[in-house]
């Protein structure tokens, strides 16, 4: 389908339109067979972006044993797990954006599509786009679930422990969307502290990448965004949903203003439990 208007606008402003034009072949119809099938079959972490029942964008981790991602057809991906809060109510027909990373080899693949069906064991996704990304800023590490998973805690603003997690992170995941092209998940990495918090806003530099500008192109059209931070040592997770804007300074950067915050845990076997788990609101109140 080629690049959409937001991607083209950002590519022009960044002065890389000609270089990006050479990459349009990556947007050809997907084929998950061959090497992609083998790569996905060996992974244990999927990062997924979608909208909740209120239309708010979120990015969540989906953890499973190797083999939980299976290619059923060249354009169909089966995920043998379900996302937890804040996307526990994902249904057929929803757009999803996904990224799968092998942190050891620093390989990653982005997959965008639509949920075709759901059941108690997972999701079937019809894929519209699938392509690899460059390995820059991927830090080698292992993914471990939290030893003591906790229920999700919702709040309306950042707390001190949230800020500490953010400002020590060397990795986060960014979810964006386009009104007609669907949803996208991407990886962002840098040295610890590359994301800073100023007056409740998160700010990070947009480092040079593959010049496609999928995420920034979406933000140029729709400011809605979702962030996921994972503490890979403890398994803690932090989900942020809000709005983001590109700041075209001497060094291009992105400013994100959160509207909703959810903290939780990276857990296996969380699919059935988390759908029925209590959700803790500020002040100790519960909602189901």
Protein backbone atom coordinates (compact mmCIF):
# COMPACT_ATOMS: atom_id res chain seq x y z
CA UNK A 1 0.00 0.00 0.00
CA UNK A 2 2.99 2.29 0.34
CA UNK A 3 3.58 4.89 3.02
CA UNK A 4 0.62 6.89 4.31
CA UNK A 5 0.42 10.69 4.43
CA UNK A 6 1.84 11.01 7.94
CA UNK A 7 4.87 8.86 7.21
CA UNK A 8 5.54 10.75 3.98
CA UNK A 9 5.27 14.11 5.76
CA UNK A 10 7.74 13.12 8.50
CA UNK A 11 10.14 11.60 5.97
CA UNK A 12 10.14 14.86 4.02
CA UNK A 13 10.66 17.00 7.09
CA UNK A 14 13.51 14.76 8.22
CA UNK A 15 15.07 15.00 4.76
CA UNK A 16 15.06 11.24 4.08
CA UNK A 17 12.25 10.92 1.53
CA UNK A 18 14.46 9.41 -1.17
CA UNK A 19 16.03 6.87 1.20
CA UNK A 20 12.63 5.86 2.60
CA UNK A 21 11.22 5.42 -0.91
CA UNK A 22 13.66 2.56 -1.46
CA UNK A 23 12.07 0.68 1.46
CA UNK A 24 8.52 0.53 0.13
CA UNK A 25 9.09 -3.11 -0.84
CA UNK A 26 9.03 -3.97 2.87
CA UNK A 27 5.33 -3.05 2.87
CA UNK A 28 4.44 -5.76 0.34
CA UNK A 29 1.82 -8.40 1.30
CA UNK A 30 3.15 -10.45 4.22
CA UNK A 31 4.52 -13.97 4.12
CA UNK A 32 5.23 -15.47 7.54
CA UNK A 33 6.46 -18.80 6.20
CA UNK A 34 10.12 -19.73 5.97
CA UNK A 35 12.51 -17.91 8.27
CA UNK A 36 9.78 -15.83 9.90
CA UNK A 37 7.93 -18.98 10.99
CA UNK A 38 11.03 -20.39 12.65
CA UNK A 39 11.88 -17.07 14.31
CA UNK A 40 8.38 -16.68 15.78
CA UNK A 41 8.22 -20.30 16.97
CA UNK A 42 11.28 -19.77 19.18
CA UNK A 43 10.12 -16.59 20.90
CA UNK A 44 8.58 -16.24 24.35
CA UNK A 45 7.50 -12.56 24.32
CA UNK A 46 5.06 -10.69 22.11
CA UNK A 47 4.37 -6.97 22.61
CA UNK A 48 0.90 -6.01 21.39
CA UNK A 49 -0.87 -2.67 20.91
CA UNK A 50 -4.65 -2.27 20.57
CA UNK A 51 -7.55 -0.21 21.87
CA UNK A 52 -9.59 -1.02 24.95
CA UNK A 53 -13.40 -0.90 25.16
CA UNK A 54 -13.26 2.88 25.58
CA UNK A 55 -11.10 3.36 22.50
CA UNK A 56 -7.96 4.13 24.48
CA UNK A 57 -4.67 2.85 23.08
CA UNK A 58 -2.54 0.47 25.22
CA UNK A 59 0.61 -1.58 24.71
CA UNK A 60 0.94 -4.83 26.67
CA UNK A 61 3.33 -7.80 26.93
CA UNK A 62 2.08 -11.31 26.12
CA UNK A 63 4.39 -13.96 27.53
CA UNK A 64 4.35 -17.67 26.67
CA UNK A 65 6.51 -20.71 26.22
CA UNK A 66 8.39 -20.99 22.90
CA UNK A 67 5.88 -22.29 20.39
CA UNK A 68 3.01 -20.09 21.56
CA UNK A 69 3.39 -18.07 18.33
CA UNK A 70 2.49 -20.26 15.36
CA UNK A 71 2.05 -19.46 11.68
CA UNK A 72 -1.19 -21.06 10.44
CA UNK A 73 -0.94 -19.56 6.92
CA UNK A 74 1.34 -17.04 5.16
CA UNK A 75 -0.84 -14.23 6.54
CA UNK A 76 -2.30 -15.80 9.70
CA UNK A 77 -0.61 -15.80 13.12
CA UNK A 78 -1.94 -17.84 16.02
CA UNK A 79 -1.13 -16.55 19.52
CA UNK A 80 -1.71 -19.24 22.15
CA UNK A 81 -2.14 -16.74 24.98
CA UNK A 82 -4.37 -13.80 25.82
CA UNK A 83 -3.30 -10.28 26.80
CA UNK A 84 -4.12 -9.16 30.31
CA UNK A 85 -5.16 -5.79 31.65
CA UNK A 86 -5.57 -3.24 30.25
CA UNK A 87 -6.40 -5.23 27.08
CA UNK A 88 -8.10 -8.25 28.63
CA UNK A 89 -11.27 -7.60 26.60
CA UNK A 90 -9.68 -7.84 23.14
CA UNK A 91 -12.27 -9.03 20.59
CA UNK A 92 -12.49 -10.11 16.95
CA UNK A 93 -12.34 -7.29 14.43
CA UNK A 94 -9.88 -5.14 16.39
CA UNK A 95 -6.71 -3.79 14.80
CA UNK A 96 -3.50 -4.86 16.51
CA UNK A 97 0.14 -3.93 16.12
CA UNK A 98 2.81 -6.32 17.37
CA UNK A 99 6.55 -6.58 17.71
CA UNK A 100 8.54 -9.72 18.48
CA UNK A 101 12.19 -9.45 19.56
CA UNK A 102 14.98 -11.92 20.15
CA UNK A 103 17.02 -9.92 22.65
CA UNK A 104 19.94 -12.35 22.47
CA UNK A 105 20.53 -11.90 18.73
CA UNK A 106 18.96 -8.40 18.55
CA UNK A 107 16.57 -9.45 15.79
CA UNK A 108 12.99 -8.16 15.62
CA UNK A 109 9.94 -8.33 13.42
CA UNK A 110 6.92 -6.01 13.34
CA UNK A 111 3.53 -7.52 12.54
CA UNK A 112 0.33 -5.54 12.02
CA UNK A 113 -3.12 -6.94 11.39
CA UNK A 114 -6.63 -7.62 12.65
CA UNK A 115 -7.93 -10.07 15.24
CA UNK A 116 -9.90 -12.68 13.30
CA UNK A 117 -11.06 -14.79 16.25
CA UNK A 118 -10.56 -15.23 19.98
CA UNK A 119 -11.21 -18.10 22.35
CA UNK A 120 -10.19 -19.12 25.85
CA UNK A 121 -6.73 -20.16 24.66
CA UNK A 122 -5.67 -17.24 22.49
CA UNK A 123 -6.02 -15.18 19.32
CA UNK A 124 -5.98 -15.72 15.58
CA UNK A 125 -4.68 -12.68 13.68
CA UNK A 126 -4.91 -11.91 9.97
CA UNK A 127 -1.68 -10.10 9.11
CA UNK A 128 -1.55 -7.05 6.84
CA UNK A 129 2.14 -6.17 7.27
CA UNK A 130 5.21 -8.05 8.49
CA UNK A 131 8.79 -6.87 8.15
CA UNK A 132 12.07 -6.82 10.01
CA UNK A 133 13.64 -3.83 11.74
CA UNK A 134 17.24 -2.87 12.32
CA UNK A 135 18.96 -4.12 15.51
CA UNK A 136 20.02 -0.69 16.81
CA UNK A 137 19.49 0.02 20.51
CA UNK A 138 18.32 -3.51 21.35
CA UNK A 139 20.04 -4.52 24.59
CA UNK A 140 20.81 -8.25 24.95
CA UNK A 141 18.95 -9.74 27.91
CA UNK A 142 16.71 -12.59 29.01
CA UNK A 143 12.98 -12.25 29.66
CA UNK A 144 11.76 -13.65 32.97
CA UNK A 145 8.26 -13.52 34.47
CA UNK A 146 7.74 -11.84 37.81
CA UNK A 147 8.25 -14.37 40.65
CA UNK A 148 5.17 -13.04 42.46
CA UNK A 149 2.64 -11.63 39.98
CA UNK A 150 0.37 -8.88 41.27
CA UNK A 151 -3.00 -7.53 40.16
CA UNK A 152 -3.06 -4.49 37.91
CA UNK A 153 -3.19 -1.11 39.67
CA UNK A 154 -4.80 1.84 37.83
CA UNK A 155 -4.09 5.51 38.42
CA UNK A 156 -4.52 8.84 36.67
CA UNK A 157 -0.96 10.14 37.03
CA UNK A 158 2.63 9.07 37.54
CA UNK A 159 3.84 8.19 41.02
CA UNK A 160 7.38 8.33 42.35
CA UNK A 161 8.11 4.64 41.77
CA UNK A 162 6.80 4.94 38.21
CA UNK A 163 9.21 7.79 37.52
CA UNK A 164 12.13 5.80 38.94
CA UNK A 165 11.35 2.87 36.66
CA UNK A 166 11.07 5.15 33.62
CA UNK A 167 14.26 7.11 34.27
CA UNK A 168 16.33 3.94 34.81
CA UNK A 169 14.99 2.17 31.72
CA UNK A 170 17.08 1.47 28.62
CA UNK A 171 14.10 0.06 26.71
CA UNK A 172 10.41 0.74 26.20
CA UNK A 173 7.74 -0.06 23.64
CA UNK A 174 5.64 2.52 21.80
CA UNK A 175 2.16 1.97 20.40
CA UNK A 176 0.63 4.31 17.81
CA UNK A 177 -2.30 4.20 15.36
CA UNK A 178 -3.56 5.59 12.07
CA UNK A 179 -7.29 6.14 11.39
CA UNK A 180 -7.35 3.82 8.37
CA UNK A 181 -4.03 1.93 8.40
CA UNK A 182 -4.41 0.27 11.80
CA UNK A 183 -2.14 -0.01 14.81
CA UNK A 184 1.63 -0.30 15.23
CA UNK A 185 4.04 -1.39 17.97
CA UNK A 186 7.69 -0.36 17.99
CA UNK A 187 10.76 -0.71 20.18
CA UNK A 188 12.71 2.23 21.59
CA UNK A 189 16.08 1.87 23.26
CA UNK A 190 19.03 3.91 24.46
CA UNK A 191 21.31 4.34 27.43
CA UNK A 192 19.61 4.18 30.86
CA UNK A 193 18.01 7.56 31.44
CA UNK A 194 17.34 8.35 27.77
CA UNK A 195 13.68 8.87 28.76
CA UNK A 196 13.21 11.78 31.17
CA UNK A 197 10.17 13.07 33.05
CA UNK A 198 9.41 16.80 33.07
CA UNK A 199 6.32 18.13 34.80
CA UNK A 200 4.50 14.84 34.33
CA UNK A 201 5.47 14.53 30.63
CA UNK A 202 7.86 11.92 29.27
CA UNK A 203 10.46 13.11 26.75
CA UNK A 204 12.86 11.03 24.69
CA UNK A 205 15.14 11.65 21.69
CA UNK A 206 14.13 10.08 18.39
CA UNK A 207 17.33 8.36 17.36
CA UNK A 208 18.03 7.64 13.66
CA UNK A 209 16.57 4.34 12.47
CA UNK A 210 15.40 2.82 9.21
CA UNK A 211 13.90 6.12 7.94
CA UNK A 212 10.43 4.63 7.51
CA UNK A 213 9.05 6.65 10.44
CA UNK A 214 6.08 4.36 11.04
CA UNK A 215 5.51 5.54 14.62
CA UNK A 216 6.19 9.24 14.06
CA UNK A 217 4.14 9.11 10.88
CA UNK A 218 1.19 7.83 12.87
CA UNK A 219 1.69 10.55 15.48
CA UNK A 220 1.67 13.18 12.74
CA UNK A 221 -1.92 12.12 11.98
CA UNK A 222 -3.20 10.80 15.35
CA UNK A 223 -1.59 11.92 18.63
CA UNK A 224 -2.87 8.94 20.61
CA UNK A 225 -0.03 6.81 21.97
CA UNK A 226 0.72 4.03 24.45
CA UNK A 227 3.97 3.20 26.24
CA UNK A 228 5.09 -0.01 27.93
CA UNK A 229 8.05 -0.17 30.30
CA UNK A 230 9.31 -3.51 31.65
CA UNK A 231 11.71 -3.92 34.55
CA UNK A 232 13.48 -7.00 33.22
CA UNK A 233 15.08 -7.70 36.62
CA UNK A 234 11.86 -7.81 38.65
CA UNK A 235 9.17 -8.43 36.03
CA UNK A 236 7.33 -5.21 36.91
CA UNK A 237 5.41 -3.56 34.07
CA UNK A 238 4.19 -0.01 33.56
CA UNK A 239 1.57 0.87 30.95
CA UNK A 240 0.88 4.47 29.95
CA UNK A 241 -1.86 5.74 27.65
CA UNK A 242 -2.08 9.34 26.49
CA UNK A 243 -0.98 11.64 23.69
CA UNK A 244 2.38 12.37 22.06
CA UNK A 245 3.79 15.09 19.82
CA UNK A 246 6.96 15.39 17.75
CA UNK A 247 9.22 18.31 18.69
CA UNK A 248 11.37 19.37 15.76
CA UNK A 249 14.28 20.83 17.66
CA UNK A 250 17.92 20.59 16.65
CA UNK A 251 17.70 17.03 17.99
CA UNK A 252 14.29 15.59 17.12
CA UNK A 253 12.42 14.32 20.16
CA UNK A 254 8.97 13.16 21.29
CA UNK A 255 6.94 14.49 24.22
CA UNK A 256 4.28 12.21 25.73
CA UNK A 257 1.57 13.28 28.18
CA UNK A 258 0.01 10.34 30.06
CA UNK A 259 -3.71 10.27 30.83
CA UNK A 260 -4.00 6.80 32.38
CA UNK A 261 -1.40 4.62 34.12
CA UNK A 262 -1.52 0.90 34.88
CA UNK A 263 1.20 -0.98 36.77
CA UNK A 264 1.41 -4.76 36.92
CA UNK A 265 3.63 -7.77 36.34
CA UNK A 266 5.14 -9.76 33.50
CA UNK A 267 3.64 -13.21 33.97
CA UNK A 268 3.15 -16.54 32.22
CA UNK A 269 -0.16 -18.32 32.49
CA UNK A 270 -1.74 -14.95 33.19
CA UNK A 271 -4.36 -15.25 30.47
CA UNK A 272 -7.22 -16.88 32.40
CA UNK A 273 -6.24 -15.45 35.78
CA UNK A 274 -5.94 -11.83 34.76
CA UNK A 275 -9.26 -11.69 32.92
CA UNK A 276 -11.01 -12.59 36.18
CA UNK A 277 -8.56 -10.88 38.56
CA UNK A 278 -9.56 -7.93 40.64
CA UNK A 279 -8.31 -4.59 39.43
CA UNK A 280 -7.04 -2.27 42.17
CA UNK A 281 -7.84 1.44 41.87
CA UNK A 282 -6.11 4.25 43.78
CA UNK A 283 -7.09 4.24 47.43
CA UNK A 284 -7.48 0.47 47.57
CA UNK A 285 -10.88 0.34 45.84
CA UNK A 286 -11.53 -2.65 43.60
CA UNK A 287 -13.30 -3.06 40.29
CA UNK A 288 -14.12 -6.26 38.42
